[in-house]
């Protein structure tokens, strides 16, 4: 049963790699300022993910086991919070949606409410600063 967990994960990740590759190949930009184009990076990542997933299927690890029920529920909670983040991001902007989701993630993994909120605020502000000043990328703010 331990090997089945790694193989199931490898097969699921191969499906994700295929999905990513198909979507990367469908990217078309009318004017490309980059000779490689927008397809190269996601296509390269999907190929790498596919190869590593194949290794996981062919040679699963010795300690690959299914998570216990409590950890499994937390992982499902992380997935739900990431979906909530994708919904909130265009509506609330980067800063507020990141604060809420990061605080919820910290609380999900047993941080105290005060520490969870502090983590959400500090990480969102730090991310905003890194994107705007470090990388020069503008992030969406509040829609109003």
C-alpha atoms as a PDB file:
ATOM      1  CA  UNK A   1       0.000   0.000   0.000  1.00  0.00           C
ATOM      2  CA  UNK A   2       2.928   2.350   0.593  1.00  0.00           C
ATOM      3  CA  UNK A   3       4.087   2.200  -3.017  1.00  0.00           C
ATOM      4  CA  UNK A   4       0.572   2.851  -4.333  1.00  0.00           C
ATOM      5  CA  UNK A   5       0.540   6.358  -2.838  1.00  0.00           C
ATOM      6  CA  UNK A   6       3.638   7.432  -4.785  1.00  0.00           C
ATOM      7  CA  UNK A   7       2.372   5.877  -8.004  1.00  0.00           C
ATOM      8  CA  UNK A   8      -1.041   7.512  -7.668  1.00  0.00           C
ATOM      9  CA  UNK A   9       0.602  10.877  -7.069  1.00  0.00           C
ATOM     10  CA  UNK A  10       2.915  10.333 -10.056  1.00  0.00           C
ATOM     11  CA  UNK A  11      -0.026   9.564 -12.343  1.00  0.00           C
ATOM     12  CA  UNK A  12      -1.949  12.607 -11.094  1.00  0.00           C
ATOM     13  CA  UNK A  13       1.091  14.834 -11.659  1.00  0.00           C
ATOM     14  CA  UNK A  14       1.529  13.442 -15.181  1.00  0.00           C
ATOM     15  CA  UNK A  15      -2.064  14.474 -15.865  1.00  0.00           C
ATOM     16  CA  UNK A  16      -1.301  17.955 -14.542  1.00  0.00           C
ATOM     17  CA  UNK A  17       1.816  18.116 -16.732  1.00  0.00           C
ATOM     18  CA  UNK A  18      -0.208  17.127 -19.805  1.00  0.00           C
ATOM     19  CA  UNK A  19      -2.883  19.707 -18.987  1.00  0.00           C
ATOM     20  CA  UNK A  20      -0.243  22.409 -18.559  1.00  0.00           C
ATOM     21  CA  UNK A  21       1.515  21.454 -21.800  1.00  0.00           C
ATOM     22  CA  UNK A  22      -1.715  21.582 -23.812  1.00  0.00           C
ATOM     23  CA  UNK A  23      -2.577  24.992 -22.387  1.00  0.00           C
ATOM     24  CA  UNK A  24       0.966  26.264 -22.962  1.00  0.00           C
ATOM     25  CA  UNK A  25       0.830  25.204 -26.604  1.00  0.00           C
ATOM     26  CA  UNK A  26      -2.401  27.138 -27.073  1.00  0.00           C
ATOM     27  CA  UNK A  27      -0.821  30.439 -25.983  1.00  0.00           C
ATOM     28  CA  UNK A  28      -0.756  32.865 -28.887  1.00  0.00           C
ATOM     29  CA  UNK A  29       0.440  36.437 -28.675  1.00  0.00           C
ATOM     30  CA  UNK A  30      -0.112  38.706 -31.706  1.00  0.00           C
ATOM     31  CA  UNK A  31       3.070  40.660 -31.058  1.00  0.00           C
ATOM     32  CA  UNK A  32       6.025  38.946 -29.463  1.00  0.00           C
ATOM     33  CA  UNK A  33       8.923  40.978 -28.174  1.00  0.00           C
ATOM     34  CA  UNK A  34      10.634  37.817 -26.958  1.00  0.00           C
ATOM     35  CA  UNK A  35      12.138  35.482 -29.583  1.00  0.00           C
ATOM     36  CA  UNK A  36      11.211  32.422 -27.526  1.00  0.00           C
ATOM     37  CA  UNK A  37       7.624  33.542 -26.908  1.00  0.00           C
ATOM     38  CA  UNK A  38       5.296  32.949 -23.976  1.00  0.00           C
ATOM     39  CA  UNK A  39       5.099  29.175 -24.502  1.00  0.00           C
ATOM     40  CA  UNK A  40       8.645  28.246 -23.528  1.00  0.00           C
ATOM     41  CA  UNK A  41       8.533  28.585 -19.752  1.00  0.00           C
ATOM     42  CA  UNK A  42       5.247  26.755 -19.014  1.00  0.00           C
ATOM     43  CA  UNK A  43       6.060  24.122 -21.636  1.00  0.00           C
ATOM     44  CA  UNK A  44       9.502  23.545 -20.116  1.00  0.00           C
ATOM     45  CA  UNK A  45       8.009  23.239 -16.637  1.00  0.00           C
ATOM     46  CA  UNK A  46       5.379  20.785 -17.849  1.00  0.00           C
ATOM     47  CA  UNK A  47       8.034  18.621 -19.524  1.00  0.00           C
ATOM     48  CA  UNK A  48      10.113  18.640 -16.335  1.00  0.00           C
ATOM     49  CA  UNK A  49       7.051  17.801 -14.230  1.00  0.00           C
ATOM     50  CA  UNK A  50       6.151  14.969 -16.601  1.00  0.00           C
ATOM     51  CA  UNK A  51       9.643  13.464 -16.434  1.00  0.00           C
ATOM     52  CA  UNK A  52       9.836  13.669 -12.652  1.00  0.00           C
ATOM     53  CA  UNK A  53       6.341  12.199 -12.362  1.00  0.00           C
ATOM     54  CA  UNK A  54       7.405   9.320 -14.577  1.00  0.00           C
ATOM     55  CA  UNK A  55      10.306   8.645 -12.219  1.00  0.00           C
ATOM     56  CA  UNK A  56       7.851   8.612  -9.308  1.00  0.00           C
ATOM     57  CA  UNK A  57       5.702   6.029 -11.102  1.00  0.00           C
ATOM     58  CA  UNK A  58       8.591   3.814 -12.181  1.00  0.00           C
ATOM     59  CA  UNK A  59      10.661   4.008  -8.980  1.00  0.00           C
ATOM     60  CA  UNK A  60       8.427   4.946  -6.039  1.00  0.00           C
ATOM     61  CA  UNK A  61      10.077   5.827  -2.777  1.00  0.00           C
ATOM     62  CA  UNK A  62      10.290   3.486   0.159  1.00  0.00           C
ATOM     63  CA  UNK A  63       8.481   5.808   2.552  1.00  0.00           C
ATOM     64  CA  UNK A  64       5.555   6.769   0.316  1.00  0.00           C
ATOM     65  CA  UNK A  65       2.454   6.354   2.453  1.00  0.00           C
ATOM     66  CA  UNK A  66      -1.002   7.836   2.475  1.00  0.00           C
ATOM     67  CA  UNK A  67      -1.421  10.735   4.885  1.00  0.00           C
ATOM     68  CA  UNK A  68      -3.519  10.136   7.968  1.00  0.00           C
ATOM     69  CA  UNK A  69      -7.054  11.489   8.034  1.00  0.00           C
ATOM     70  CA  UNK A  70      -6.199  14.707   9.861  1.00  0.00           C
ATOM     71  CA  UNK A  71      -3.372  15.645   7.492  1.00  0.00           C
ATOM     72  CA  UNK A  72      -5.492  14.673   4.501  1.00  0.00           C
ATOM     73  CA  UNK A  73      -8.232  17.055   5.625  1.00  0.00           C
ATOM     74  CA  UNK A  74      -5.694  19.833   6.083  1.00  0.00           C
ATOM     75  CA  UNK A  75      -4.370  19.268   2.571  1.00  0.00           C
ATOM     76  CA  UNK A  76      -7.903  19.461   1.203  1.00  0.00           C
ATOM     77  CA  UNK A  77      -8.307  22.674   3.208  1.00  0.00           C
ATOM     78  CA  UNK A  78      -5.188  24.093   1.544  1.00  0.00           C
ATOM     79  CA  UNK A  79      -6.629  23.273  -1.877  1.00  0.00           C
ATOM     80  CA  UNK A  80      -9.929  24.951  -0.987  1.00  0.00           C
ATOM     81  CA  UNK A  81      -8.114  28.052   0.298  1.00  0.00           C
ATOM     82  CA  UNK A  82      -6.094  28.287  -2.918  1.00  0.00           C
ATOM     83  CA  UNK A  83      -9.322  28.159  -4.924  1.00  0.00           C
ATOM     84  CA  UNK A  84     -10.792  30.850  -2.656  1.00  0.00           C
ATOM     85  CA  UNK A  85      -7.656  32.927  -3.282  1.00  0.00           C
ATOM     86  CA  UNK A  86      -8.141  32.618  -7.032  1.00  0.00           C
ATOM     87  CA  UNK A  87     -11.716  33.897  -6.643  1.00  0.00           C
ATOM     88  CA  UNK A  88     -10.836  36.718  -4.225  1.00  0.00           C
ATOM     89  CA  UNK A  89      -7.729  37.992  -6.029  1.00  0.00           C
ATOM     90  CA  UNK A  90      -9.476  39.881  -8.865  1.00  0.00           C
ATOM     91  CA  UNK A  91     -12.181  41.181  -6.517  1.00  0.00           C
ATOM     92  CA  UNK A  92     -10.136  42.294  -3.511  1.00  0.00           C
ATOM     93  CA  UNK A  93      -6.688  42.807  -5.020  1.00  0.00           C
ATOM     94  CA  UNK A  94      -3.383  41.292  -3.990  1.00  0.00           C
ATOM     95  CA  UNK A  95      -2.927  42.776  -0.553  1.00  0.00           C
ATOM     96  CA  UNK A  96      -6.284  42.049   1.062  1.00  0.00           C
ATOM     97  CA  UNK A  97      -6.831  38.626  -0.522  1.00  0.00           C
ATOM     98  CA  UNK A  98      -3.285  37.554   0.384  1.00  0.00           C
ATOM     99  CA  UNK A  99      -3.704  38.708   3.984  1.00  0.00           C
ATOM    100  CA  UNK A 100      -6.929  36.725   4.370  1.00  0.00           C
ATOM    101  CA  UNK A 101      -5.726  33.525   2.745  1.00  0.00           C
ATOM    102  CA  UNK A 102      -2.293  33.479   4.391  1.00  0.00           C
ATOM    103  CA  UNK A 103      -3.874  34.060   7.800  1.00  0.00           C
ATOM    104  CA  UNK A 104      -6.355  31.236   7.136  1.00  0.00           C
ATOM    105  CA  UNK A 105      -3.521  28.914   6.066  1.00  0.00           C
ATOM    106  CA  UNK A 106      -1.519  29.716   9.187  1.00  0.00           C
ATOM    107  CA  UNK A 107      -4.586  29.115  11.371  1.00  0.00           C
ATOM    108  CA  UNK A 108      -5.271  25.844   9.511  1.00  0.00           C
ATOM    109  CA  UNK A 109      -1.833  24.601  10.570  1.00  0.00           C
ATOM    110  CA  UNK A 110      -2.460  25.484  14.220  1.00  0.00           C
ATOM    111  CA  UNK A 111      -1.039  28.967  14.599  1.00  0.00           C
ATOM    112  CA  UNK A 112      -2.768  31.037  17.239  1.00  0.00           C
ATOM    113  CA  UNK A 113      -5.243  33.578  15.834  1.00  0.00           C
ATOM    114  CA  UNK A 114      -2.943  36.487  16.674  1.00  0.00           C
ATOM    115  CA  UNK A 115       0.063  34.827  15.041  1.00  0.00           C
ATOM    116  CA  UNK A 116      -2.026  33.831  12.024  1.00  0.00           C
ATOM    117  CA  UNK A 117      -3.202  37.404  11.450  1.00  0.00           C
ATOM    118  CA  UNK A 118       0.311  38.796  12.013  1.00  0.00           C
ATOM    119  CA  UNK A 119       1.716  36.279   9.545  1.00  0.00           C
ATOM    120  CA  UNK A 120      -0.929  37.161   6.963  1.00  0.00           C
ATOM    121  CA  UNK A 121      -0.320  40.893   7.280  1.00  0.00           C
ATOM    122  CA  UNK A 122       3.487  40.682   7.261  1.00  0.00           C
ATOM    123  CA  UNK A 123       3.717  38.204   4.389  1.00  0.00           C
ATOM    124  CA  UNK A 124       1.212  40.104   2.239  1.00  0.00           C
ATOM    125  CA  UNK A 125       2.979  43.418   2.850  1.00  0.00           C
ATOM    126  CA  UNK A 126       6.364  41.807   2.203  1.00  0.00           C
ATOM    127  CA  UNK A 127       5.104  40.210  -1.002  1.00  0.00           C
ATOM    128  CA  UNK A 128       3.606  43.519  -2.160  1.00  0.00           C
ATOM    129  CA  UNK A 129       6.885  45.289  -1.495  1.00  0.00           C
ATOM    130  CA  UNK A 130       8.955  42.599  -3.257  1.00  0.00           C
ATOM    131  CA  UNK A 131       6.764  42.619  -6.347  1.00  0.00           C
ATOM    132  CA  UNK A 132       6.479  46.396  -6.668  1.00  0.00           C
ATOM    133  CA  UNK A 133       9.984  47.469  -5.631  1.00  0.00           C
ATOM    134  CA  UNK A 134      12.100  44.376  -6.143  1.00  0.00           C
ATOM    135  CA  UNK A 135      10.645  43.196  -9.457  1.00  0.00           C
ATOM    136  CA  UNK A 136       8.908  46.352 -10.664  1.00  0.00           C
ATOM    137  CA  UNK A 137       5.608  44.508 -11.203  1.00  0.00           C
ATOM    138  CA  UNK A 138       2.363  46.291 -10.444  1.00  0.00           C
ATOM    139  CA  UNK A 139      -0.196  44.220  -8.567  1.00  0.00           C
ATOM    140  CA  UNK A 140      -3.938  44.784  -8.602  1.00  0.00           C
ATOM    141  CA  UNK A 141      -5.234  46.851  -5.744  1.00  0.00           C
ATOM    142  CA  UNK A 142      -8.733  47.271  -4.444  1.00  0.00           C
ATOM    143  CA  UNK A 143     -11.238  47.602  -7.303  1.00  0.00           C
ATOM    144  CA  UNK A 144     -12.800  50.730  -5.863  1.00  0.00           C
END
